[in-house]
């Protein structure tokens, strides 16, 4: 029987006694298959390959195939499969937990929630402007205790006026630092701007406003040139601006010619930048009211937009609390500038400085360009992959820094009585960069606020004003300012390290 069904030429893989070793069930299955089907029918009804399959199952089946029959219970092992849907059922039976913004939970808890959130941020290294405010309070207490005139009307007005020029220059540095770069040429560019104005207006009789505009545009051109070499040529910003610091100092001296200084004419635009005060008390109080209304309006508008977009928004109580704090601060400053003995009113320099801050803050936080600056500062390669023109952003930022440096140089010229060959030298660069860093702008890029220029300059100028009132020498002022700058950088570094440790960097 096996000879009839076996394919010719196919050797028997086992001896005949191997079939005897085959278990009884398999031995009965094979004869049944062969007995039920005669050899002729097997060849007629079943193709030759199937005929060879039957003998393979009986005679030619190796020992491994004999184990195939026990493997058939493997599908019954899949009764474990019904357990597979159980996780899905268990997961599906549980009600989905909606995502809740943590800010909503904080606000629902009231003051306790805000305090908890505040302590969490401090532990996580998100200090913000807290060190600056603490420093200002300490400075005010210490110097007021040493000299009761430190917080007088004339002292506060001097701090506001002397803060304006360098503060405007610091605004440009804030943008550069957010970009993750440095600009060492701001002092020289400020000197060139003042020299251009003095030569055009005083020496050549050009219209005062036109000379001021050309001076500011000259700073813009120099800044764009720095940005071009940095972004397009690939020269490091440190080297480009260091070369500008040296080169534009020479240009400033060349523009001034044989004259060591050119005095600002009485009644000129530049002379009024730091010499004009709004004596009408309504000016200071009116500016304070406008500032409070504008701040409250921006908060309400932002909250309205977020509610319309189904995003977490500040409740009205929080908006009122914030606006109330700003109102108290603004009206106290207005009172000090107006009411006490010796008060001269609202200085024009402070108004212009605040205007620059408001515009720059709007550009940084509310425009596409501002968001691109933060993106490039955070990760330039990621910003490039996201479609941002990194080179354009860099060039514009350095142009902005140069323009504000030239504009601030006009304030410095107004304070010094005119343009000089040394204007913008000395510690100008150090103070401008220190103001931005002390105010909270990171040296590592991607983090900072425009208002840090104001906070940092108030800290620096308050220290200088207090030390001057105490009769301290200039070298003491330099050492103390340097220590404050070092402390600010240390706080920034520790803050970033803490954020990385907390997973919030």
Protein backbone atom coordinates (compact mmCIF):
# COMPACT_ATOMS: atom_id res chain seq x y z
CA UNK A 1 0.00 0.00 0.00
CA UNK A 2 2.78 2.40 0.77
CA UNK A 3 4.52 1.52 -2.49
CA UNK A 4 1.41 2.48 -4.52
CA UNK A 5 0.87 5.81 -2.88
CA UNK A 6 4.48 6.82 -2.60
CA UNK A 7 5.77 9.14 -5.25
CA UNK A 8 8.33 7.48 -7.47
CA UNK A 9 11.86 8.51 -6.78
CA UNK A 10 11.01 9.72 -3.27
CA UNK A 11 13.18 7.91 -0.73
CA UNK A 12 11.62 6.67 2.47
CA UNK A 13 13.03 8.98 5.18
CA UNK A 14 12.40 6.41 7.93
CA UNK A 15 12.71 2.65 8.28
CA UNK A 16 9.54 0.57 8.50
CA UNK A 17 9.84 0.22 12.25
CA UNK A 18 9.55 4.03 12.54
CA UNK A 19 5.88 3.71 11.70
CA UNK A 20 5.52 1.31 14.55
CA UNK A 21 6.88 3.99 16.82
CA UNK A 22 4.18 6.31 15.62
CA UNK A 23 1.43 6.78 18.25
CA UNK A 24 -1.75 4.76 17.83
CA UNK A 25 -4.01 7.68 16.92
CA UNK A 26 -1.79 8.69 14.04
CA UNK A 27 -1.46 5.08 12.88
CA UNK A 28 -5.24 4.70 12.72
CA UNK A 29 -5.66 8.02 10.95
CA UNK A 30 -3.32 7.08 8.18
CA UNK A 31 -4.92 3.71 7.42
CA UNK A 32 -8.37 5.30 7.49
CA UNK A 33 -7.26 7.80 4.95
CA UNK A 34 -5.80 5.11 2.72
CA UNK A 35 -8.56 2.55 3.24
CA UNK A 36 -11.39 4.90 2.49
CA UNK A 37 -9.79 5.93 -0.74
CA UNK A 38 -8.65 3.24 -3.17
CA UNK A 39 -5.42 3.76 -4.95
CA UNK A 40 -6.99 4.37 -8.34
CA UNK A 41 -9.45 6.94 -6.91
CA UNK A 42 -6.67 8.60 -5.02
CA UNK A 43 -4.81 9.04 -8.25
CA UNK A 44 -7.89 9.99 -10.22
CA UNK A 45 -9.77 12.24 -7.83
CA UNK A 46 -6.82 13.66 -6.02
CA UNK A 47 -3.94 15.39 -7.81
CA UNK A 48 -0.53 13.93 -7.53
CA UNK A 49 0.70 16.54 -5.04
CA UNK A 50 -2.21 15.74 -2.71
CA UNK A 51 -1.51 12.02 -3.09
CA UNK A 52 2.01 12.66 -1.95
CA UNK A 53 0.67 14.67 0.98
CA UNK A 54 -1.27 11.69 2.31
CA UNK A 55 1.74 9.42 2.46
CA UNK A 56 3.77 12.25 3.93
CA UNK A 57 1.28 12.37 6.79
CA UNK A 58 1.67 8.67 7.48
CA UNK A 59 4.90 7.25 6.25
CA UNK A 60 7.12 10.18 5.33
CA UNK A 61 6.11 12.45 8.22
CA UNK A 62 9.21 13.29 10.27
CA UNK A 63 9.14 13.40 14.01
CA UNK A 64 8.78 17.21 14.08
CA UNK A 65 5.60 16.98 12.00
CA UNK A 66 4.29 14.38 14.38
CA UNK A 67 4.32 17.12 16.97
CA UNK A 68 2.14 19.26 14.74
CA UNK A 69 -0.90 17.42 16.02
CA UNK A 70 -0.16 18.46 19.61
CA UNK A 71 0.36 21.98 18.30
CA UNK A 72 -3.21 22.09 17.13
CA UNK A 73 -4.33 22.74 20.70
CA UNK A 74 -2.39 26.00 20.40
CA UNK A 75 -5.46 27.81 19.10
CA UNK A 76 -7.30 26.79 22.27
CA UNK A 77 -4.47 28.59 24.04
CA UNK A 78 -5.93 31.67 22.47
CA UNK A 79 -8.69 31.65 25.03
CA UNK A 80 -6.17 33.94 26.63
CA UNK A 81 -7.00 36.26 23.76
CA UNK A 82 -10.41 37.07 25.20
CA UNK A 83 -8.44 38.56 28.01
CA UNK A 84 -6.84 40.94 25.55
CA UNK A 85 -9.97 43.04 25.14
CA UNK A 86 -10.22 43.32 28.90
CA UNK A 87 -7.70 46.18 29.14
CA UNK A 88 -9.59 47.96 26.41
CA UNK A 89 -12.85 47.30 28.20
CA UNK A 90 -11.37 48.36 31.47
CA UNK A 91 -9.96 51.47 29.90
CA UNK A 92 -13.15 52.16 28.05
CA UNK A 93 -15.31 51.61 31.09
CA UNK A 94 -13.42 54.29 33.04
CA UNK A 95 -14.70 57.80 32.44
CA UNK A 96 -12.17 59.95 30.52
CA UNK A 97 -10.51 62.58 32.67
CA UNK A 98 -10.70 65.99 30.98
CA UNK A 99 -7.49 67.99 30.76
CA UNK A 100 -7.59 70.92 33.15
CA UNK A 101 -5.23 73.87 32.85
CA UNK A 102 -3.30 74.24 36.14
CA UNK A 103 -3.93 77.98 36.05
CA UNK A 104 -7.65 77.35 36.44
CA UNK A 105 -7.04 75.31 39.57
CA UNK A 106 -4.78 78.01 40.95
CA UNK A 107 -7.39 80.70 40.45
CA UNK A 108 -10.17 78.58 41.89
CA UNK A 109 -8.23 78.26 45.14
CA UNK A 110 -8.01 82.03 45.53
CA UNK A 111 -5.12 83.62 47.41
CA UNK A 112 -3.97 80.25 48.70
CA UNK A 113 -3.65 78.97 45.15
CA UNK A 114 -1.66 82.00 44.05
CA UNK A 115 0.68 81.63 47.00
CA UNK A 116 1.17 77.94 46.26
CA UNK A 117 1.90 78.71 42.62
CA UNK A 118 4.33 81.46 43.62
CA UNK A 119 6.29 79.20 45.96
CA UNK A 120 6.34 76.47 43.31
CA UNK A 121 7.84 78.86 40.77
CA UNK A 122 10.46 80.09 43.20
CA UNK A 123 11.48 76.52 44.04
CA UNK A 124 11.59 75.76 40.31
CA UNK A 125 13.92 78.69 39.60
CA UNK A 126 11.34 80.95 37.92
CA UNK A 127 12.26 84.08 39.84
CA UNK A 128 11.27 86.64 37.22
CA UNK A 129 11.75 90.23 38.44
CA UNK A 130 11.50 89.29 42.11
CA UNK A 131 15.25 89.82 42.87
CA UNK A 132 15.09 93.27 41.24
CA UNK A 133 12.14 94.43 43.32
CA UNK A 134 13.74 93.10 46.49
CA UNK A 135 16.97 94.89 45.57
CA UNK A 136 15.16 98.18 44.96
CA UNK A 137 13.44 97.96 48.33
CA UNK A 138 16.73 97.27 50.08
CA UNK A 139 18.46 100.13 48.23
CA UNK A 140 15.69 102.58 49.14
CA UNK A 141 15.71 101.58 52.81
CA UNK A 142 19.51 101.71 53.16
CA UNK A 143 20.07 105.06 51.44
CA UNK A 144 17.00 106.69 52.94
CA UNK A 145 18.28 105.69 56.36
CA UNK A 146 21.65 107.27 55.54
CA UNK A 147 20.22 110.41 53.90
CA UNK A 148 16.64 111.53 54.32
CA UNK A 149 16.71 113.33 50.95
CA UNK A 150 17.22 110.16 48.93
CA UNK A 151 13.49 109.81 48.17
CA UNK A 152 12.91 113.56 47.79
CA UNK A 153 11.32 115.05 44.68
CA UNK A 154 14.58 116.36 43.25
CA UNK A 155 16.38 113.05 43.85
CA UNK A 156 13.61 111.00 42.21
CA UNK A 157 13.57 113.43 39.24
CA UNK A 158 17.34 113.10 38.83
CA UNK A 159 17.09 109.31 38.86
CA UNK A 160 14.35 109.46 36.20
CA UNK A 161 16.31 111.83 33.93
CA UNK A 162 19.68 110.11 34.19
CA UNK A 163 18.01 106.75 33.66
CA UNK A 164 16.42 107.74 30.34
CA UNK A 165 19.39 107.92 27.96
CA UNK A 166 21.21 104.76 29.02
CA UNK A 167 17.86 103.05 29.52
CA UNK A 168 16.88 103.62 25.88
CA UNK A 169 20.20 102.12 24.83
CA UNK A 170 19.57 99.18 27.17
CA UNK A 171 16.28 98.44 25.38
CA UNK A 172 18.22 97.66 22.21
CA UNK A 173 20.64 95.50 24.19
CA UNK A 174 17.68 93.54 25.60
CA UNK A 175 16.70 92.48 22.07
CA UNK A 176 20.28 91.47 21.29
CA UNK A 177 20.58 89.44 24.49
CA UNK A 178 17.26 87.70 23.84
CA UNK A 179 18.74 86.77 20.47
CA UNK A 180 21.58 85.14 22.38
CA UNK A 181 24.25 87.56 21.16
CA UNK A 182 26.11 90.63 22.42
CA UNK A 183 26.65 94.15 21.05
CA UNK A 184 29.82 95.86 22.24
CA UNK A 185 29.47 98.86 19.92
CA UNK A 186 26.53 100.67 21.54
CA UNK A 187 28.73 103.28 23.23
CA UNK A 188 30.57 104.15 20.02
CA UNK A 189 27.36 104.21 17.98
CA UNK A 190 25.86 106.57 20.57
CA UNK A 191 28.87 108.84 20.18
CA UNK A 192 28.57 108.79 16.37
CA UNK A 193 24.87 109.68 16.60
CA UNK A 194 25.58 112.65 18.85
CA UNK A 195 28.45 113.76 16.59
CA UNK A 196 26.27 113.56 13.44
CA UNK A 197 23.61 115.71 15.08
CA UNK A 198 26.13 118.27 16.36
CA UNK A 199 27.93 118.63 13.02
CA UNK A 200 24.75 118.88 10.95
CA UNK A 201 22.75 121.12 13.27
CA UNK A 202 25.27 123.25 15.09
CA UNK A 203 28.17 123.41 12.64
CA UNK A 204 26.20 123.42 9.36
CA UNK A 205 22.89 124.96 10.43
CA UNK A 206 20.64 122.10 9.37
CA UNK A 207 17.09 121.96 10.72
CA UNK A 208 17.07 120.65 14.28
CA UNK A 209 14.49 117.89 13.74
CA UNK A 210 16.08 116.78 10.48
CA UNK A 211 19.49 116.58 12.12
CA UNK A 212 18.04 114.47 14.94
CA UNK A 213 16.37 112.15 12.43
CA UNK A 214 19.59 111.71 10.44
CA UNK A 215 21.52 111.02 13.64
CA UNK A 216 19.10 108.23 14.58
CA UNK A 217 19.19 106.83 11.03
CA UNK A 218 22.98 106.79 11.13
CA UNK A 219 22.80 104.51 14.16
CA UNK A 220 20.32 102.30 12.31
CA UNK A 221 22.70 102.03 9.34
CA UNK A 222 25.66 101.07 11.54
CA UNK A 223 23.58 98.46 13.35
CA UNK A 224 22.38 96.93 10.09
CA UNK A 225 25.99 96.74 8.94
CA UNK A 226 26.89 94.79 12.08
CA UNK A 227 23.96 92.46 11.50
CA UNK A 228 24.93 91.88 7.87
CA UNK A 229 28.48 90.81 8.74
CA UNK A 230 27.18 88.61 11.52
CA UNK A 231 24.24 86.95 9.74
CA UNK A 232 25.43 86.80 6.12
CA UNK A 233 29.21 86.63 6.36
CA UNK A 234 29.30 84.54 9.52
CA UNK A 235 31.60 86.71 11.60
CA UNK A 236 30.83 86.24 15.31
CA UNK A 237 28.80 89.09 16.78
CA UNK A 238 31.41 89.61 19.48
CA UNK A 239 34.10 90.26 16.88
CA UNK A 240 31.91 92.39 14.62
CA UNK A 241 30.72 94.68 17.38
CA UNK A 242 34.17 94.87 18.97
CA UNK A 243 35.50 96.06 15.61
CA UNK A 244 32.61 98.52 15.50
CA UNK A 245 33.47 99.74 18.98
CA UNK A 246 36.96 100.62 17.79
CA UNK A 247 36.10 101.80 14.29
CA UNK A 248 33.14 104.00 15.18
CA UNK A 249 35.13 105.62 17.98
CA UNK A 250 37.58 106.75 15.33
CA UNK A 251 34.72 107.95 13.10
CA UNK A 252 33.31 109.94 16.02
CA UNK A 253 36.63 111.69 16.60
CA UNK A 254 36.98 112.39 12.86
CA UNK A 255 33.48 113.89 12.66
CA UNK A 256 34.14 116.18 15.59
CA UNK A 257 37.26 117.48 13.86
CA UNK A 258 39.44 119.90 15.76
CA UNK A 259 36.67 120.72 18.17
CA UNK A 260 36.83 118.80 21.39
CA UNK A 261 33.13 119.38 21.98
CA UNK A 262 30.15 121.06 20.33
CA UNK A 263 27.68 122.58 22.74
CA UNK A 264 23.95 122.15 22.33
CA UNK A 265 22.24 125.46 21.49
CA UNK A 266 19.84 126.82 24.06
CA UNK A 267 16.29 125.87 23.25
CA UNK A 268 17.29 123.14 20.78
CA UNK A 269 15.55 119.78 20.58
CA UNK A 270 18.51 117.97 22.11
CA UNK A 271 18.79 120.48 24.94
CA UNK A 272 15.11 119.94 25.80
CA UNK A 273 15.42 116.15 25.88
CA UNK A 274 16.63 116.19 29.48
CA UNK A 275 16.10 119.83 30.40
CA UNK A 276 12.35 120.20 29.90
CA UNK A 277 9.80 119.52 32.66
CA UNK A 278 6.02 119.61 32.49
CA UNK A 279 5.32 121.99 35.34
CA UNK A 280 1.56 121.55 35.10
CA UNK A 281 0.58 119.00 37.72
CA UNK A 282 -2.08 117.61 35.42
CA UNK A 283 0.64 116.24 33.16
CA UNK A 284 2.03 113.81 35.73
CA UNK A 285 -1.35 112.76 37.07
CA UNK A 286 -2.77 112.51 33.56
CA UNK A 287 0.11 110.29 32.43
CA UNK A 288 -0.42 108.09 35.49
CA UNK A 289 -4.13 107.78 34.69
CA UNK A 290 -3.44 106.94 31.06
CA UNK A 291 -0.90 104.31 32.08
CA UNK A 292 -3.33 102.64 34.49
CA UNK A 293 -6.22 102.66 32.01
CA UNK A 294 -4.01 101.32 29.24
CA UNK A 295 -2.71 98.53 31.46
CA UNK A 296 -6.16 97.55 32.70
CA UNK A 297 -7.53 97.72 29.16
CA UNK A 298 -4.80 95.43 27.84
CA UNK A 299 -5.55 92.90 30.59
CA UNK A 300 -9.27 92.98 29.87
CA UNK A 301 -8.72 92.67 26.13
CA UNK A 302 -6.36 89.75 26.60
CA UNK A 303 -8.82 88.02 28.93
CA UNK A 304 -11.63 88.56 26.44
CA UNK A 305 -9.63 87.05 23.60
CA UNK A 306 -8.70 84.02 25.63
CA UNK A 307 -12.29 83.40 26.66
CA UNK A 308 -13.37 83.66 23.03
CA UNK A 309 -10.74 81.05 22.15
CA UNK A 310 -11.86 78.79 25.04
CA UNK A 311 -8.52 79.29 26.82
CA UNK A 312 -7.89 79.97 30.51
CA UNK A 313 -8.17 83.68 31.28
CA UNK A 314 -7.66 85.94 34.26
CA UNK A 315 -10.75 86.56 36.37
CA UNK A 316 -11.96 90.12 36.87
CA UNK A 317 -10.82 90.09 40.49
CA UNK A 318 -7.22 89.40 39.45
CA UNK A 319 -7.33 92.11 36.79
CA UNK A 320 -8.62 94.61 39.34
CA UNK A 321 -5.89 93.62 41.80
CA UNK A 322 -3.13 94.01 39.22
CA UNK A 323 -4.47 97.30 37.91
CA UNK A 324 -4.81 98.57 41.49
CA UNK A 325 -1.17 97.81 42.24
CA UNK A 326 -0.02 99.64 39.09
CA UNK A 327 -2.32 102.56 39.92
CA UNK A 328 -0.83 102.96 43.38
CA UNK A 329 2.71 102.86 41.97
CA UNK A 330 2.02 105.37 39.18
CA UNK A 331 0.16 107.89 41.30
CA UNK A 332 2.75 107.76 44.07
CA UNK A 333 5.47 108.60 41.54
CA UNK A 334 3.29 111.38 40.09
CA UNK A 335 2.75 112.78 43.57
CA UNK A 336 6.48 112.76 44.35
CA UNK A 337 7.25 114.54 41.09
CA UNK A 338 4.56 117.20 41.64
CA UNK A 339 3.79 117.98 45.24
CA UNK A 340 6.79 118.02 47.63
CA UNK A 341 9.08 121.01 48.01
CA UNK A 342 11.59 121.26 45.21
CA UNK A 343 9.42 119.32 42.76
CA UNK A 344 9.82 120.49 39.17
CA UNK A 345 7.12 118.40 37.54
CA UNK A 346 7.18 115.56 35.04
CA UNK A 347 10.47 115.34 33.07
CA UNK A 348 10.17 114.98 29.30
CA UNK A 349 13.00 112.44 29.34
CA UNK A 350 10.91 110.06 31.43
CA UNK A 351 7.94 110.39 29.08
CA UNK A 352 10.07 109.57 26.04
CA UNK A 353 11.74 106.66 27.80
CA UNK A 354 8.36 105.19 28.75
CA UNK A 355 7.14 105.66 25.17
CA UNK A 356 10.13 103.68 23.85
CA UNK A 357 9.47 100.96 26.41
CA UNK A 358 5.78 100.65 25.49
CA UNK A 359 6.49 100.44 21.76
CA UNK A 360 9.35 97.98 22.21
CA UNK A 361 7.27 95.83 24.57
CA UNK A 362 4.45 95.72 22.02
CA UNK A 363 6.90 94.66 19.31
CA UNK A 364 8.43 91.97 21.50
CA UNK A 365 5.21 90.43 22.82
CA UNK A 366 2.49 91.21 20.30
CA UNK A 367 4.08 90.94 16.87
CA UNK A 368 5.31 88.06 14.74
CA UNK A 369 8.77 89.59 14.63
CA UNK A 370 8.99 89.64 18.41
CA UNK A 371 8.06 85.97 18.66
CA UNK A 372 10.64 85.17 16.01
CA UNK A 373 13.32 86.92 18.06
CA UNK A 374 12.54 84.72 21.06
CA UNK A 375 12.44 81.63 18.82
CA UNK A 376 15.84 82.36 17.30
CA UNK A 377 17.30 83.11 20.71
CA UNK A 378 15.94 79.86 22.12
CA UNK A 379 17.14 77.61 19.27
CA UNK A 380 18.30 79.10 15.98
CA UNK A 381 18.34 75.80 14.11
CA UNK A 382 14.84 74.88 15.24
CA UNK A 383 13.64 78.35 14.21
CA UNK A 384 15.22 77.90 10.78
CA UNK A 385 13.53 74.52 10.35
CA UNK A 386 10.24 76.13 11.33
CA UNK A 387 10.53 78.51 8.37
CA UNK A 388 11.81 81.62 10.16
CA UNK A 389 14.26 83.76 8.22
CA UNK A 390 16.95 83.70 10.90
CA UNK A 391 19.33 85.99 9.01
CA UNK A 392 16.68 88.66 8.57
CA UNK A 393 15.75 88.56 12.25
CA UNK A 394 19.38 88.93 13.28
CA UNK A 395 20.04 91.82 10.94
CA UNK A 396 16.92 93.70 12.06
CA UNK A 397 17.73 93.19 15.76
CA UNK A 398 21.21 94.64 15.39
CA UNK A 399 19.77 97.51 13.35
CA UNK A 400 17.28 98.17 16.14
CA UNK A 401 20.10 98.14 18.69
CA UNK A 402 22.09 100.65 16.66
CA UNK A 403 19.10 102.96 16.19
CA UNK A 404 18.27 103.02 19.92
CA UNK A 405 21.95 103.51 20.76
CA UNK A 406 22.08 106.64 18.58
CA UNK A 407 18.82 107.93 20.05
CA UNK A 408 20.10 107.34 23.59
CA UNK A 409 23.33 109.10 22.65
CA UNK A 410 21.33 112.29 22.06
CA UNK A 411 20.06 112.09 25.65
CA UNK A 412 23.61 111.65 26.91
CA UNK A 413 24.66 114.67 24.83
CA UNK A 414 21.82 116.67 26.35
CA UNK A 415 22.96 115.79 29.87
CA UNK A 416 26.57 116.68 29.11
CA UNK A 417 25.64 119.92 27.36
CA UNK A 418 26.62 118.79 23.85
CA UNK A 419 28.55 116.28 21.79
CA UNK A 420 32.13 115.41 22.71
CA UNK A 421 34.85 113.16 21.37
CA UNK A 422 34.60 110.95 24.43
CA UNK A 423 30.80 110.64 24.52
CA UNK A 424 29.79 107.00 24.81
CA UNK A 425 33.14 105.95 26.21
CA UNK A 426 34.09 105.15 29.76
CA UNK A 427 31.59 102.96 31.55
CA UNK A 428 28.68 103.54 29.15
CA UNK A 429 28.83 100.08 27.59
CA UNK A 430 29.19 98.41 30.98
CA UNK A 431 26.20 100.24 32.45
CA UNK A 432 23.96 99.51 29.46
CA UNK A 433 24.66 95.77 29.44
CA UNK A 434 24.51 95.65 33.24
CA UNK A 435 21.08 97.31 33.21
CA UNK A 436 19.65 94.69 30.87
CA UNK A 437 21.11 91.79 32.84
CA UNK A 438 20.30 93.16 36.29
CA UNK A 439 16.73 93.79 35.14
CA UNK A 440 16.27 90.09 34.41
CA UNK A 441 17.30 89.49 30.79
CA UNK A 442 19.26 86.27 30.42
CA UNK A 443 22.76 86.28 28.98
CA UNK A 444 22.05 82.86 27.46
CA UNK A 445 19.33 83.97 25.05
CA UNK A 446 15.65 83.24 24.61
CA UNK A 447 14.47 84.85 27.85
CA UNK A 448 13.91 88.44 28.90
CA UNK A 449 11.53 91.39 28.98
CA UNK A 450 11.82 94.88 27.58
CA UNK A 451 10.88 96.34 30.96
CA UNK A 452 14.03 94.83 32.42
CA UNK A 453 15.89 97.79 30.88
CA UNK A 454 13.86 100.15 33.11
CA UNK A 455 14.25 98.05 36.24
CA UNK A 456 17.97 97.53 35.75
CA UNK A 457 18.67 101.20 35.09
CA UNK A 458 16.67 102.24 38.16
CA UNK A 459 18.78 99.89 40.28
CA UNK A 460 22.07 101.21 38.85
CA UNK A 461 21.09 104.87 38.96
CA UNK A 462 19.67 104.54 42.47
CA UNK A 463 22.99 103.13 43.66
CA UNK A 464 24.92 105.93 41.98
CA UNK A 465 22.54 108.58 43.27
CA UNK A 466 22.75 107.26 46.83
CA UNK A 467 26.53 106.97 46.77
CA UNK A 468 26.86 110.49 45.37
CA UNK A 469 24.65 111.83 48.14
CA UNK A 470 26.88 110.05 50.66
CA UNK A 471 30.00 111.48 49.04
CA UNK A 472 31.45 108.16 47.96
CA UNK A 473 34.26 108.17 45.39
CA UNK A 474 33.63 106.99 41.84
CA UNK A 475 35.83 103.94 42.27
CA UNK A 476 33.56 102.75 45.09
CA UNK A 477 30.58 103.17 42.75
CA UNK A 478 32.27 101.04 40.10
CA UNK A 479 33.03 98.26 42.57
CA UNK A 480 29.50 98.20 43.96
CA UNK A 481 27.92 98.27 40.49
CA UNK A 482 30.21 95.43 39.42
CA UNK A 483 29.19 93.40 42.46
CA UNK A 484 25.51 93.96 41.67
CA UNK A 485 26.10 92.86 38.07
CA UNK A 486 27.89 89.72 39.22
CA UNK A 487 25.06 88.95 41.62
CA UNK A 488 22.52 89.32 38.80
CA UNK A 489 24.45 86.93 36.54
CA UNK A 490 24.84 84.40 39.36
CA UNK A 491 21.10 84.54 40.04
CA UNK A 492 20.39 84.02 36.35
CA UNK A 493 22.75 81.03 36.15
CA UNK A 494 21.41 79.42 39.31
CA UNK A 495 17.85 80.04 38.13
CA UNK A 496 18.46 78.29 34.81
CA UNK A 497 20.15 75.36 36.53
CA UNK A 498 17.26 75.02 38.96
CA UNK A 499 14.77 75.09 36.10
CA UNK A 500 16.64 72.30 34.32
CA UNK A 501 16.69 70.24 37.49
CA UNK A 502 12.95 70.79 37.91
CA UNK A 503 12.35 69.94 34.25
CA UNK A 504 11.04 73.40 33.40
CA UNK A 505 13.92 74.77 31.32
